[in-house]
Amino acid sequence: MLLLLFCLCDGSRTAVSPGFLRLPAQTRTARRPHVTAARLSLNSLIASVDKTRKRRCAQRLPRTVFIIDTATDMNGITKGRFEVFSNSDEALINKKLPKELLLRIFSFLDVVTLCRCAQVSKAWNVLALDGSNWQKIDLFNFQTDIEGRVVENISKRCGGFLRQLSLRGCLSVGDASMKTFAQNCRNIEHLNLNGCTKITDSTCVSLSKFCSKLRHLDLTSCVSITNHALKALRHLRKLLLIFPHLNSASEGCRMLENLNLSWCDQIMSDGIEALSRGCTSVKALFLRGCTQLDDTALKHLQKHCPELMIINMQSCTQITDDGFVSLCRGCHKLQMVCVSGCSNITDASLTALGLNCQRLKILEAARCSHVTDAGFTVLARNCHDLEKMDLEECILVTDNTLVQLSIHCPRLQALSLSHCELITDDGIRHLSSSVCGQDRLQVVELDNCPLITDITLEHLKSCQRLERIELYDCQQVTRAGIKRIRAHLPEIKVHAYFAPVTPPPSVHGGGQRLCRCCVIL
């Protein structure tokens, strides 16, 4: 079947409007996988072109217009067989295909290919730069050194058609260009300004004035943003904000659903109180590295945010059982919880999570050194939908936890037990022989588990879906054992190295863990 994908020209025809986009010199290949699925059959059209005339035209015409028979390889790269057409062939295609169909075909092309098509002819320039083809633009993968005038030209070209724009890393884009953009692209829904360091509150004022449909806004590393910007954004429905000024957020984003404040270490509990009172519909909250937050913040979320489904409190070191238990009692819809690095968390938190949040799918509790089998037993017996657990450096966990998971959590897909030094082959036997082990388990991380031996690998042979095993510094695991499991599961990735035999560290994790140099398998 002959399929059409527009490609490139020799650059001698009508060029893209100056300043619209600056194409890189090198040729790049389109990577949009759905292009293949959307190709149109043009057998009858191509057949109408006389073969003799094609050969004659190919000899005298300098430019290439089409790619025929495109296909996508395993890496998602679109490739094709080239054929050459004449001016009259192009005219025939333009005549045979209505404008609406050509526009539909163009709509599946990426930014680079559209710009190349715009250089083929005046007719194709109009089609390629039609605003309907520019609903989603990501300049991060294209080039990040664009100037503000490029953004202005994009906005004038796309107008109300543009829905998503990523300017991530575009350091030269400033407030003046964004004001023009906001005035022209009033239907924008997703806007990524991550790393645009020239952006200030003025941009947010422009967005709030003209872009009432904006749902997702990323201001990561926009260091000049202040509370005034948040006050201006009071009509926006869904925001992703990552910057260190929060206290006034509740004045504006009352329909806020997704908020990322990771590593904003100036955020305090009174800011979370303002957020929770004003944004009661929040569903996802990322607070990684907000080291000044304490239990009071979680109690505010418990009172005002019953829709909360995702919370990440990694390295919030002041959080204790008191606040986390309160959170669980008020937020029953939690599906993803990260308390990694919250060293004050104990079994009381796991018990509250299990009894109140039975929809839980993902738990990350790395470096919570006070949790034990008792807490995980309650969790496993109540949260049957668990899919991923990170228990790295939960040094008090034993095989009993694996027994409970094997019985009560049939959907478990990924389990990290790194540095859980009490885990033995027997625990892995229970896990691998369970429903989740045989039907679901894909990833097991057992690095620095000194009691694990080749017997564990024999047990894991029954895990038919297993994709990856981490065995770094498991000194009782041998090359022979790894070769046997790889022979049984040829697609599996085993990450391991072999070190000189050394005494095992303290089972309670008190000793310093050293990297023991080795040979990489």
Protein backbone atom coordinates (compact mmCIF):
# COMPACT_ATOMS: atom_id res chain seq x y z
CA MET A 1 0.00 0.00 0.00
CA LEU A 2 1.33 3.38 -0.97
CA LEU A 3 1.20 5.88 1.84
CA LEU A 4 1.87 9.58 1.84
CA LEU A 5 4.05 11.50 4.25
CA PHE A 6 5.21 14.98 3.31
CA CYS A 7 8.91 15.57 3.69
CA LEU A 8 11.40 18.12 2.44
CA CYS A 9 12.54 20.23 -0.41
CA ASP A 10 15.73 21.82 -1.70
CA GLY A 11 14.99 25.15 -0.04
CA SER A 12 14.56 27.00 -3.34
CA ARG A 13 10.82 27.49 -3.03
CA THR A 14 8.69 29.64 -0.75
CA ALA A 15 10.27 29.79 2.70
CA VAL A 16 8.69 29.85 6.10
CA SER A 17 7.70 33.30 7.28
CA PRO A 18 10.81 35.00 8.74
CA GLY A 19 11.08 34.54 12.47
CA PHE A 20 8.39 31.87 12.66
CA LEU A 21 10.78 29.05 13.48
CA ARG A 22 14.45 28.65 12.80
CA LEU A 23 15.11 25.17 11.45
CA PRO A 24 18.27 23.31 12.52
CA ALA A 25 20.71 22.59 9.72
CA GLN A 26 20.74 18.84 10.20
CA THR A 27 17.95 16.60 9.02
CA ARG A 28 15.83 15.12 11.77
CA THR A 29 13.40 12.22 11.56
CA ALA A 30 9.84 12.52 12.77
CA ARG A 31 9.19 10.46 15.90
CA ARG A 32 5.45 10.70 16.30
CA PRO A 33 4.32 7.06 16.44
CA HIS A 34 0.70 7.77 15.63
CA VAL A 35 1.68 9.16 12.21
CA THR A 36 1.96 5.61 10.91
CA ALA A 37 -1.52 4.73 12.14
CA ALA A 38 -3.01 7.74 10.38
CA ARG A 39 -1.50 7.35 6.89
CA LEU A 40 -3.90 7.54 3.97
CA SER A 41 -3.94 5.18 1.02
CA LEU A 42 -3.32 6.97 -2.25
CA ASN A 43 -3.06 4.02 -4.65
CA SER A 44 -5.55 5.39 -7.10
CA LEU A 45 -3.94 8.82 -7.07
CA ILE A 46 -0.39 7.62 -7.66
CA ALA A 47 -1.57 5.14 -10.28
CA SER A 48 -3.01 8.00 -12.26
CA VAL A 49 0.47 9.41 -12.84
CA ASP A 50 2.01 8.03 -15.99
CA LYS A 51 5.12 5.96 -15.14
CA THR A 52 7.04 7.15 -18.16
CA ARG A 53 6.34 10.78 -17.36
CA LYS A 54 7.50 10.20 -13.79
CA ARG A 55 10.86 8.88 -14.92
CA ARG A 56 11.29 11.76 -17.34
CA CYS A 57 10.38 14.34 -14.71
CA ALA A 58 12.70 12.74 -12.19
CA GLN A 59 15.64 13.29 -14.52
CA ARG A 60 15.02 17.00 -15.05
CA LEU A 61 13.58 18.27 -11.76
CA PRO A 62 15.90 19.12 -8.83
CA ARG A 63 13.59 18.82 -5.85
CA THR A 64 12.19 15.99 -3.75
CA VAL A 65 8.58 16.24 -2.62
CA PHE A 66 7.26 12.95 -1.25
CA ILE A 67 8.08 9.86 0.80
CA ILE A 68 6.24 6.69 -0.16
CA ASP A 69 5.66 3.51 1.89
CA THR A 70 6.62 4.83 5.29
CA ALA A 71 7.16 2.51 8.25
CA THR A 72 8.11 2.84 11.90
CA ASP A 73 10.96 0.75 13.29
CA MET A 74 11.35 -0.68 16.82
CA ASN A 75 12.76 2.63 18.07
CA GLY A 76 9.75 4.59 16.89
CA ILE A 77 11.68 6.21 14.02
CA THR A 78 9.72 6.77 10.82
CA LYS A 79 11.52 5.64 7.69
CA GLY A 80 10.46 5.50 4.08
CA ARG A 81 11.26 4.80 0.43
CA PHE A 82 11.87 7.96 -1.60
CA GLU A 83 10.36 8.64 -5.02
CA VAL A 84 10.60 11.83 -7.07
CA PHE A 85 7.68 13.73 -8.56
CA SER A 86 7.49 16.63 -10.95
CA ASN A 87 5.78 20.00 -10.71
CA SER A 88 2.83 18.63 -12.61
CA ASP A 89 2.60 15.70 -10.20
CA GLU A 90 2.38 18.09 -7.27
CA ALA A 91 -0.26 20.10 -9.09
CA LEU A 92 -2.16 16.89 -9.78
CA ILE A 93 -2.15 15.98 -6.09
CA ASN A 94 -3.30 19.46 -5.13
CA LYS A 95 -6.04 19.15 -7.72
CA LYS A 96 -7.15 15.63 -6.81
CA LEU A 97 -7.16 16.08 -3.03
CA PRO A 98 -9.44 18.66 -1.45
CA LYS A 99 -7.92 21.19 0.91
CA GLU A 100 -9.67 19.60 3.88
CA LEU A 101 -8.00 16.24 3.23
CA LEU A 102 -4.58 17.79 2.76
CA LEU A 103 -5.02 19.69 6.01
CA ARG A 104 -5.97 16.44 7.71
CA ILE A 105 -2.78 14.79 6.45
CA PHE A 106 -0.67 17.75 7.53
CA SER A 107 -2.18 17.61 11.01
CA PHE A 108 -0.21 14.43 11.78
CA LEU A 109 3.19 15.98 11.06
CA ASP A 110 5.61 17.33 13.63
CA VAL A 111 7.04 20.85 13.81
CA VAL A 112 10.15 20.12 11.75
CA THR A 113 8.29 18.37 8.94
CA LEU A 114 5.60 21.03 8.78
CA CYS A 115 8.24 23.70 8.32
CA ARG A 116 9.84 21.70 5.52
CA CYS A 117 6.50 21.26 3.82
CA ALA A 118 5.98 24.99 4.02
CA GLN A 119 9.00 25.41 1.72
CA VAL A 120 7.70 23.19 -1.09
CA SER A 121 5.37 25.70 -2.71
CA LYS A 122 3.12 28.63 -1.95
CA ALA A 123 0.10 26.35 -1.76
CA TRP A 124 1.78 24.04 0.71
CA ASN A 125 3.09 27.00 2.69
CA VAL A 126 -0.48 28.08 3.32
CA LEU A 127 -1.54 24.55 4.25
CA ALA A 128 1.44 23.75 6.48
CA LEU A 129 1.18 26.98 8.44
CA ASP A 130 -2.57 26.81 8.88
CA GLY A 131 -3.37 27.34 12.54
CA SER A 132 -5.30 24.08 12.80
CA ASN A 133 -2.01 22.19 12.39
CA TRP A 134 -0.44 23.95 15.35
CA GLN A 135 -2.54 22.89 18.32
CA LYS A 136 0.37 21.36 20.23
CA ILE A 137 3.94 22.67 20.10
CA ASP A 138 6.95 21.54 22.10
CA LEU A 139 10.03 23.62 21.39
CA PHE A 140 12.15 21.89 24.03
CA ASN A 141 12.81 18.98 21.67
CA PHE A 142 13.23 21.36 18.76
CA GLN A 143 15.51 24.13 19.98
CA THR A 144 15.63 26.14 23.18
CA ASP A 145 17.59 29.21 22.07
CA ILE A 146 14.61 30.88 20.43
CA GLU A 147 13.96 34.56 20.94
CA GLY A 148 10.77 36.22 22.07
CA ARG A 149 9.77 37.23 18.56
CA VAL A 150 9.47 33.56 17.64
CA VAL A 151 6.86 33.09 20.35
CA GLU A 152 5.04 36.18 19.11
CA ASN A 153 5.00 34.86 15.54
CA ILE A 154 3.78 31.46 16.73
CA SER A 155 0.93 33.11 18.59
CA LYS A 156 -0.07 35.19 15.58
CA ARG A 157 0.04 32.17 13.30
CA CYS A 158 -1.80 29.75 15.61
CA GLY A 159 -4.20 32.08 17.35
CA GLY A 160 -7.11 30.35 19.00
CA PHE A 161 -6.10 26.93 17.66
CA LEU A 162 -3.16 26.47 20.03
CA ARG A 163 -3.94 24.29 23.06
CA GLN A 164 -0.53 23.17 24.34
CA LEU A 165 2.82 24.94 24.27
CA SER A 166 6.10 23.99 25.91
CA LEU A 167 8.82 26.64 26.14
CA ARG A 168 10.82 24.67 28.67
CA GLY A 169 14.37 25.95 28.84
CA CYS A 170 13.77 28.93 26.53
CA LEU A 171 15.88 31.42 28.46
CA SER A 172 15.34 34.37 26.10
CA VAL A 173 11.55 34.49 26.32
CA GLY A 174 10.31 37.38 28.46
CA ASP A 175 7.16 39.10 29.65
CA ALA A 176 6.58 41.23 26.54
CA SER A 177 6.48 38.22 24.24
CA MET A 178 4.25 36.31 26.64
CA LYS A 179 1.81 39.22 26.75
CA THR A 180 1.48 39.07 22.96
CA PHE A 181 1.12 35.32 23.21
CA ALA A 182 -1.65 35.57 25.82
CA GLN A 183 -3.57 38.09 23.74
CA ASN A 184 -3.47 35.89 20.63
CA CYS A 185 -3.80 32.37 22.10
CA ARG A 186 -6.76 32.64 24.41
CA ASN A 187 -7.65 28.95 24.23
CA ILE A 188 -4.34 27.72 25.62
CA GLU A 189 -4.82 24.94 28.19
CA HIS A 190 -1.31 23.62 28.90
CA LEU A 191 1.63 26.00 29.18
CA ASN A 192 5.12 24.93 30.25
CA LEU A 193 7.49 27.77 31.18
CA ASN A 194 9.93 25.58 33.10
CA GLY A 195 13.29 27.31 33.30
CA CYS A 196 12.18 30.52 31.56
CA THR A 197 14.09 32.69 33.99
CA LYS A 198 13.06 36.02 32.44
CA ILE A 199 9.40 35.40 33.21
CA THR A 200 7.99 37.51 36.05
CA ASP A 201 4.62 38.23 37.65
CA SER A 202 3.69 40.31 34.60
CA THR A 203 3.33 37.16 32.51
CA CYS A 204 0.92 35.66 35.03
CA VAL A 205 -1.13 38.85 34.97
CA SER A 206 -1.38 38.57 31.18
CA LEU A 207 -2.36 34.91 31.35
CA SER A 208 -5.04 35.56 33.94
CA LYS A 209 -6.44 38.41 31.87
CA PHE A 210 -6.65 36.64 28.52
CA CYS A 211 -6.28 32.85 29.04
CA SER A 212 -9.24 31.79 31.13
CA LYS A 213 -9.06 28.18 29.89
CA LEU A 214 -5.55 27.54 31.21
CA ARG A 215 -5.53 24.32 33.24
CA HIS A 216 -1.89 23.31 33.55
CA LEU A 217 0.88 25.79 34.23
CA ASP A 218 4.50 24.89 34.96
CA LEU A 219 6.63 27.69 36.39
CA THR A 220 9.54 25.55 37.53
CA SER A 221 12.65 27.63 38.24
CA CYS A 222 10.93 30.89 37.33
CA VAL A 223 12.70 32.54 40.22
CA SER A 224 11.11 35.98 39.77
CA ILE A 225 7.58 34.76 40.40
CA THR A 226 6.03 36.11 43.60
CA ASN A 227 2.72 36.00 45.47
CA HIS A 228 1.36 38.67 43.14
CA ALA A 229 1.44 36.12 40.32
CA LEU A 230 -0.63 33.66 42.32
CA LYS A 231 -3.22 36.31 43.12
CA ALA A 232 -3.50 37.05 39.40
CA LEU A 233 -4.13 33.41 38.54
CA ARG A 234 -7.36 33.18 40.48
CA HIS A 235 -9.48 31.94 37.55
CA LEU A 236 -7.31 29.00 36.53
CA ARG A 237 -8.58 25.48 37.02
CA LYS A 238 -5.53 23.21 37.14
CA LEU A 239 -2.02 24.35 37.88
CA LEU A 240 1.37 22.76 38.26
CA LEU A 241 3.38 25.34 40.16
CA ILE A 242 6.91 24.73 41.38
CA PHE A 243 8.31 27.81 43.03
CA PRO A 244 8.83 29.05 46.58
CA HIS A 245 5.89 31.41 47.10
CA LEU A 246 2.56 29.88 48.09
CA ASN A 247 0.73 31.77 50.82
CA SER A 248 -1.63 33.63 48.48
CA ALA A 249 -2.48 30.63 46.28
CA SER A 250 -5.84 30.08 47.94
CA GLU A 251 -7.00 33.52 46.83
CA GLY A 252 -7.13 32.39 43.24
CA CYS A 253 -6.96 28.72 42.31
CA ARG A 254 -10.07 27.37 43.96
CA MET A 255 -10.38 24.57 41.39
CA LEU A 256 -6.71 23.58 41.72
CA GLU A 257 -6.20 19.86 41.08
CA ASN A 258 -2.47 19.31 40.68
CA LEU A 259 0.21 21.25 42.55
CA ASN A 260 3.94 20.53 42.59
CA LEU A 261 5.99 22.47 45.12
CA SER A 262 8.94 20.10 45.22
CA TRP A 263 12.15 21.44 46.75
CA CYS A 264 10.53 24.73 47.68
CA ASP A 265 12.06 24.77 51.11
CA GLN A 266 10.46 28.07 52.08
CA ILE A 267 6.98 26.53 52.10
CA MET A 268 5.55 26.31 55.61
CA SER A 269 2.41 24.92 57.20
CA ASP A 270 0.53 28.22 57.07
CA GLY A 271 0.96 28.23 53.31
CA ILE A 272 -0.48 24.72 53.09
CA GLU A 273 -3.38 25.88 55.27
CA ALA A 274 -4.17 28.69 52.83
CA LEU A 275 -3.91 26.26 49.93
CA SER A 276 -6.14 23.61 51.48
CA ARG A 277 -8.86 26.08 52.51
CA GLY A 278 -9.02 27.69 49.09
CA CYS A 279 -8.37 24.66 46.86
CA THR A 280 -10.50 21.88 48.27
CA SER A 281 -10.50 19.94 44.99
CA VAL A 282 -6.76 19.30 44.96
CA LYS A 283 -6.02 15.70 43.91
CA ALA A 284 -2.24 15.60 43.63
CA LEU A 285 0.24 17.38 45.87
CA PHE A 286 4.02 17.07 45.53
CA LEU A 287 5.99 18.41 48.50
CA ARG A 288 9.37 16.74 48.06
CA GLY A 289 12.11 18.47 49.97
CA CYS A 290 9.80 20.92 51.76
CA THR A 291 11.75 20.48 54.96
CA GLN A 292 9.91 23.15 56.94
CA LEU A 293 6.54 21.38 56.75
CA ASP A 294 5.32 19.69 59.91
CA ASP A 295 2.27 17.73 61.08
CA THR A 296 0.10 20.84 61.10
CA ALA A 297 0.23 20.96 57.30
CA LEU A 298 -1.13 17.41 57.02
CA LYS A 299 -3.92 18.17 59.46
CA HIS A 300 -5.06 21.05 57.25
CA LEU A 301 -5.12 18.72 54.24
CA GLN A 302 -7.12 16.19 56.24
CA LYS A 303 -9.79 18.79 57.04
CA HIS A 304 -10.15 20.47 53.67
CA CYS A 305 -8.91 18.16 50.86
CA PRO A 306 -10.97 14.94 50.85
CA GLU A 307 -10.31 14.39 47.12
CA LEU A 308 -6.56 14.00 47.59
CA MET A 309 -5.28 10.94 45.69
CA ILE A 310 -1.53 11.52 45.41
CA ILE A 311 0.83 12.96 48.00
CA ASN A 312 4.61 12.96 47.90
CA MET A 313 6.37 14.03 51.10
CA GLN A 314 9.84 12.70 50.33
CA SER A 315 12.42 14.09 52.77
CA CYS A 316 9.86 16.08 54.77
CA THR A 317 11.80 15.21 57.87
CA GLN A 318 9.52 16.94 60.39
CA ILE A 319 6.50 14.77 59.53
CA THR A 320 5.55 12.25 62.24
CA ASP A 321 2.83 9.68 62.88
CA ASP A 322 0.61 12.37 64.42
CA GLY A 323 0.20 14.26 61.18
CA PHE A 324 0.20 11.27 58.85
CA VAL A 325 -2.47 9.40 60.81
CA SER A 326 -4.68 12.50 60.64
CA LEU A 327 -4.13 12.72 56.88
CA CYS A 328 -5.18 9.10 56.36
CA ARG A 329 -8.35 9.57 58.41
CA GLY A 330 -9.51 12.44 56.21
CA CYS A 331 -8.21 11.46 52.76
CA HIS A 332 -9.67 8.02 52.05
CA LYS A 333 -9.03 8.22 48.28
CA LEU A 334 -5.24 8.12 48.53
CA GLN A 335 -3.73 5.90 45.83
CA MET A 336 -0.09 6.99 45.82
CA VAL A 337 1.86 7.89 48.97
CA CYS A 338 5.56 8.68 49.29
CA VAL A 339 7.06 9.09 52.75
CA SER A 340 10.61 8.14 51.76
CA GLY A 341 13.10 9.80 54.05
CA CYS A 342 10.47 10.63 56.68
CA SER A 343 12.48 8.98 59.39
CA ASN A 344 9.91 9.55 62.15
CA ILE A 345 7.24 7.38 60.51
CA THR A 346 6.43 4.13 62.36
CA ASP A 347 3.93 1.26 62.21
CA ALA A 348 1.18 3.59 63.45
CA SER A 349 1.24 5.37 60.09
CA LEU A 350 1.15 2.11 58.11
CA THR A 351 -1.77 0.90 60.21
CA ALA A 352 -3.73 4.11 59.61
CA LEU A 353 -2.95 3.92 55.90
CA GLY A 354 -4.17 0.33 55.69
CA LEU A 355 -7.37 0.90 57.65
CA ASN A 356 -8.41 4.14 55.94
CA CYS A 357 -6.95 4.15 52.42
CA GLN A 358 -7.80 0.79 50.90
CA ARG A 359 -7.45 2.05 47.30
CA LEU A 360 -3.71 2.46 47.77
CA LYS A 361 -1.66 1.36 44.74
CA ILE A 362 1.81 2.79 45.33
CA LEU A 363 3.73 3.14 48.58
CA GLU A 364 7.25 4.53 48.76
CA ALA A 365 8.68 4.24 52.26
CA ALA A 366 12.42 4.08 51.63
CA ARG A 367 14.65 4.88 54.59
CA CYS A 368 11.79 4.60 57.10
CA SER A 369 13.90 2.62 59.52
CA HIS A 370 11.28 2.31 62.28
CA VAL A 371 8.58 0.42 60.36
CA THR A 372 8.26 -3.34 60.96
CA ASP A 373 6.40 -6.42 59.80
CA ALA A 374 3.47 -5.50 62.08
CA GLY A 375 2.68 -2.34 60.13
CA PHE A 376 3.09 -3.97 56.73
CA THR A 377 0.86 -6.85 57.82
CA VAL A 378 -2.06 -4.48 58.46
CA LEU A 379 -1.32 -2.67 55.21
CA ALA A 380 -1.21 -5.84 53.10
CA ARG A 381 -4.37 -7.29 54.62
CA ASN A 382 -6.39 -4.18 53.73
CA CYS A 383 -4.79 -2.74 50.57
CA HIS A 384 -5.28 -5.49 47.99
CA ASP A 385 -4.64 -3.18 45.01
CA LEU A 386 -0.99 -2.52 45.83
CA GLU A 387 1.12 -2.50 42.66
CA LYS A 388 4.42 -0.94 43.69
CA MET A 389 6.28 -0.82 47.01
CA ASP A 390 9.64 0.74 47.77
CA LEU A 391 10.95 -0.55 51.11
CA GLU A 392 14.61 0.28 50.60
CA GLU A 393 16.48 0.48 53.90
CA CYS A 394 13.46 -0.58 55.95
CA ILE A 395 15.98 -2.53 57.96
CA LEU A 396 13.52 -4.18 60.38
CA VAL A 397 11.46 -5.85 57.65
CA THR A 398 11.72 -9.66 57.48
CA ASP A 399 10.31 -12.52 55.43
CA ASN A 400 6.99 -12.16 57.29
CA THR A 401 6.20 -9.05 55.27
CA LEU A 402 6.76 -10.98 52.03
CA VAL A 403 4.45 -13.74 53.25
CA GLN A 404 1.66 -11.20 53.84
CA LEU A 405 2.21 -9.53 50.48
CA SER A 406 2.15 -12.88 48.69
CA ILE A 407 -1.19 -13.76 50.29
CA HIS A 408 -3.07 -10.45 50.13
CA CYS A 409 -1.60 -8.39 47.26
CA PRO A 410 -2.14 -10.26 43.97
CA ARG A 411 -1.48 -7.17 41.82
CA LEU A 412 2.02 -6.42 43.05
CA GLN A 413 4.31 -5.62 40.12
CA ALA A 414 7.41 -3.95 41.57
CA LEU A 415 9.08 -4.45 44.94
CA SER A 416 12.27 -2.87 46.24
CA LEU A 417 13.93 -4.58 49.21
CA SER A 418 17.35 -2.99 48.84
CA HIS A 419 19.34 -3.03 52.09
CA CYS A 420 16.61 -5.06 53.82
CA GLU A 421 19.25 -7.25 55.38
CA LEU A 422 16.89 -9.68 57.11
CA ILE A 423 15.27 -10.91 53.88
CA THR A 424 16.17 -14.52 53.01
CA ASP A 425 15.59 -17.03 50.24
CA ASP A 426 12.51 -18.32 52.07
CA GLY A 427 10.74 -14.96 51.81
CA ILE A 428 11.40 -14.84 48.08
CA ARG A 429 10.04 -18.39 47.81
CA HIS A 430 6.69 -17.27 49.22
CA LEU A 431 6.60 -14.25 46.94
CA SER A 432 7.54 -16.09 43.75
CA SER A 433 5.05 -18.91 44.29
CA SER A 434 2.13 -16.52 44.86
CA VAL A 435 -0.39 -15.23 42.34
CA CYS A 436 1.41 -11.90 42.04
CA GLY A 437 4.77 -13.64 41.62
CA GLN A 438 3.65 -15.88 38.79
CA ASP A 439 1.30 -13.46 37.01
CA ARG A 440 2.32 -9.88 37.81
CA LEU A 441 5.77 -9.39 39.31
CA GLN A 442 8.08 -7.48 36.95
CA VAL A 443 10.79 -5.88 39.09
CA VAL A 444 12.55 -7.11 42.24
CA GLU A 445 15.38 -5.13 43.82
CA LEU A 446 17.49 -7.15 46.26
CA ASP A 447 20.79 -5.32 46.23
CA ASN A 448 22.71 -5.38 49.50
CA CYS A 449 20.65 -8.25 50.92
CA PRO A 450 23.49 -10.36 52.34
CA LEU A 451 21.37 -13.45 53.07
CA ILE A 452 20.16 -13.88 49.49
CA THR A 453 21.73 -16.80 47.57
CA ASP A 454 21.35 -18.63 44.26
CA ILE A 455 18.29 -20.35 45.74
CA THR A 456 16.41 -17.06 45.37
CA LEU A 457 17.14 -17.09 41.64
CA GLU A 458 15.79 -20.63 41.39
CA HIS A 459 12.55 -19.47 43.04
CA LEU A 460 12.26 -16.46 40.73
CA LYS A 461 12.30 -18.71 37.64
CA SER A 462 8.55 -19.17 38.14
CA CYS A 463 7.94 -15.42 37.72
CA GLN A 464 7.23 -15.46 34.00
CA ARG A 465 6.69 -11.69 33.73
CA LEU A 466 9.88 -10.79 35.56
CA GLU A 467 11.84 -8.14 33.65
CA ARG A 468 14.55 -6.96 36.01
CA ILE A 469 16.40 -8.11 39.14
CA GLU A 470 18.82 -5.97 41.13
CA LEU A 471 21.49 -8.04 42.89
CA TYR A 472 24.30 -5.59 43.54
CA ASP A 473 26.52 -6.66 46.42
CA CYS A 474 24.64 -9.90 47.11
CA GLN A 475 27.82 -11.79 47.80
CA GLN A 476 26.23 -15.23 48.02
CA VAL A 477 24.82 -14.96 44.50
CA THR A 478 27.10 -16.52 41.88
CA ARG A 479 27.63 -16.14 38.17
CA ALA A 480 26.38 -19.68 37.67
CA GLY A 481 23.08 -18.87 39.38
CA ILE A 482 22.58 -15.81 37.24
CA LYS A 483 23.35 -17.74 34.05
CA ARG A 484 20.74 -20.34 34.97
CA ILE A 485 17.93 -17.82 35.47
CA ARG A 486 18.89 -16.01 32.28
CA ALA A 487 18.73 -19.29 30.40
CA HIS A 488 15.22 -19.84 31.79
CA LEU A 489 14.09 -16.20 31.30
CA PRO A 490 16.18 -14.98 28.34
CA GLU A 491 14.63 -11.49 28.27
CA ILE A 492 15.36 -10.71 31.90
CA LYS A 493 17.82 -7.97 32.88
CA VAL A 494 20.02 -8.93 35.82
CA HIS A 495 22.03 -6.13 37.38
CA ALA A 496 24.79 -7.55 39.55
CA TYR A 497 28.46 -7.39 40.34
CA PHE A 498 30.80 -9.59 42.28
CA ALA A 499 32.97 -8.37 45.13
CA PRO A 500 35.57 -9.98 47.35
CA VAL A 501 33.96 -11.80 50.24
CA THR A 502 33.60 -9.50 53.26
CA PRO A 503 31.83 -9.91 56.56
CA PRO A 504 28.12 -9.02 56.28
CA PRO A 505 27.13 -5.67 57.79
CA SER A 506 25.11 -5.46 60.98
CA VAL A 507 21.59 -6.75 60.49
CA HIS A 508 20.34 -3.60 62.15
CA GLY A 509 22.07 -1.39 59.61
CA GLY A 510 24.33 0.27 62.15
CA GLY A 511 27.53 -0.26 60.20
CA GLN A 512 28.67 2.00 57.42
CA ARG A 513 27.83 0.65 53.96
CA LEU A 514 30.79 0.79 51.63
CA CYS A 515 30.94 0.32 47.87
CA ARG A 516 32.95 -2.83 47.36
CA CYS A 517 34.65 -2.68 43.97
CA CYS A 518 33.81 -5.51 41.65
CA VAL A 519 33.51 -6.95 38.21
CA ILE A 520 30.30 -5.93 36.44
CA LEU A 521 28.34 -8.78 34.96
